[in-house]
Amino acid sequence: MLFGWFNAKEAQQFGAEQAQFFIAKMPLDTQRKDKKVAQKTQGALDTIALRVQQFQRSHPLNIYTRAKLATTFKWTLKDAGYDAAYVEQLTEWLVKRL
């Protein structure tokens, strides 16, 4: 039972999926100061927030699985080439919804 506490495979997969969703909606070459882009970004974040709520209902997250989910989200975005400061903001936003 203790080892189940450390099983973060599904949380990591979910974190990567949400990062990939964001990458698909907000490509790197998008100008972040455009008003339409801001609306599109907010729409993507709203969708991710809804998905997080749904995931939490079926997958109770402990502190370890939350950390793994957020870290996977963060590194997927960094590996895709997003600016480190922007990735930090997005990851902080995600952690607040966990």
Protein backbone atom coordinates (compact mmCIF):
# COMPACT_ATOMS: atom_id res chain seq x y z
CA MET A 1 0.00 0.00 0.00
CA LEU A 2 2.87 2.38 0.73
CA PHE A 3 4.34 1.77 -2.70
CA GLY A 4 1.07 2.87 -4.30
CA TRP A 5 1.68 6.28 -2.77
CA PHE A 6 4.76 6.63 -4.99
CA ASN A 7 3.04 5.47 -8.17
CA ALA A 8 2.95 8.66 -10.24
CA LYS A 9 2.79 7.14 -13.71
CA GLU A 10 -0.75 8.35 -14.46
CA ALA A 11 -0.06 11.79 -13.00
CA GLN A 12 3.07 12.15 -15.11
CA GLN A 13 1.22 11.04 -18.22
CA PHE A 14 -1.55 13.54 -17.48
CA GLY A 15 0.99 16.35 -16.97
CA ALA A 16 2.65 15.58 -20.29
CA GLU A 17 -0.73 15.46 -22.05
CA GLN A 18 -1.69 18.88 -20.71
CA ALA A 19 1.63 20.35 -21.80
CA GLN A 20 1.21 18.85 -25.27
CA PHE A 21 -2.30 20.30 -25.43
CA PHE A 22 -0.92 23.74 -24.56
CA ILE A 23 1.86 23.38 -27.13
CA ALA A 24 -0.69 22.49 -29.81
CA LYS A 25 -2.88 25.49 -28.93
CA MET A 26 -0.06 27.99 -28.40
CA PRO A 27 2.88 27.37 -30.76
CA LEU A 28 6.23 28.91 -29.92
CA ASP A 29 6.12 31.43 -32.75
CA THR A 30 2.96 33.08 -31.37
CA GLN A 31 3.30 36.71 -30.30
CA ARG A 32 2.30 36.76 -26.62
CA LYS A 33 1.29 40.43 -26.53
CA ASP A 34 -1.49 40.20 -29.11
CA LYS A 35 -5.03 40.52 -27.70
CA LYS A 36 -6.35 37.55 -29.70
CA VAL A 37 -3.47 35.43 -28.45
CA ALA A 38 -4.29 36.39 -24.87
CA GLN A 39 -7.86 35.19 -25.38
CA LYS A 40 -6.64 31.99 -27.01
CA THR A 41 -4.20 31.41 -24.15
CA GLN A 42 -6.95 31.94 -21.59
CA GLY A 43 -9.16 29.48 -23.45
CA ALA A 44 -6.42 26.86 -23.41
CA LEU A 45 -5.80 27.42 -19.70
CA ASP A 46 -9.52 27.20 -18.94
CA THR A 47 -9.65 23.85 -20.74
CA ILE A 48 -6.63 22.58 -18.81
CA ALA A 49 -8.19 23.74 -15.52
CA LEU A 50 -11.35 21.79 -16.32
CA ARG A 51 -9.31 18.71 -17.21
CA VAL A 52 -7.39 19.00 -13.94
CA GLN A 53 -10.65 19.03 -11.97
CA GLN A 54 -11.88 15.96 -13.82
CA PHE A 55 -8.57 14.14 -13.34
CA GLN A 56 -8.54 14.86 -9.62
CA ARG A 57 -12.00 13.35 -9.20
CA SER A 58 -10.85 9.99 -10.53
CA HIS A 59 -7.21 10.13 -9.37
CA PRO A 60 -6.66 11.32 -5.81
CA LEU A 61 -3.33 13.14 -5.82
CA ASN A 62 -0.91 13.21 -2.92
CA ILE A 63 1.98 15.64 -2.61
CA TYR A 64 4.35 13.34 -4.48
CA THR A 65 2.04 12.75 -7.45
CA ARG A 66 1.24 16.48 -7.64
CA ALA A 67 4.93 17.27 -7.78
CA LYS A 68 5.55 14.67 -10.49
CA LEU A 69 2.60 15.96 -12.54
CA ALA A 70 3.83 19.56 -12.31
CA THR A 71 7.44 18.63 -13.05
CA THR A 72 6.46 16.64 -16.10
CA PHE A 73 4.30 19.53 -17.33
CA LYS A 74 7.17 21.96 -16.77
CA TRP A 75 9.86 19.91 -18.51
CA THR A 76 7.64 19.05 -21.46
CA LEU A 77 7.17 22.77 -22.10
CA LYS A 78 10.85 23.54 -21.54
CA ASP A 79 11.90 20.74 -23.88
CA ALA A 80 9.56 22.20 -26.50
CA GLY A 81 11.54 25.43 -26.34
CA TYR A 82 9.31 27.74 -24.32
CA ASP A 83 10.97 30.53 -22.35
CA ALA A 84 11.96 29.42 -18.84
CA ALA A 85 10.19 32.34 -17.12
CA TYR A 86 6.99 31.70 -19.06
CA VAL A 87 7.16 28.00 -18.21
CA GLU A 88 7.58 28.86 -14.53
CA GLN A 89 4.44 31.04 -14.67
CA LEU A 90 2.45 28.30 -16.36
CA THR A 91 3.65 25.66 -13.92
CA GLU A 92 2.82 27.87 -10.94
CA TRP A 93 -0.64 28.41 -12.42
CA LEU A 94 -1.09 24.63 -12.76
CA VAL A 95 0.11 23.89 -9.22
CA LYS A 96 -2.44 26.35 -7.82
CA ARG A 97 -5.17 24.30 -9.48
CA LEU A 98 -3.94 21.02 -8.05
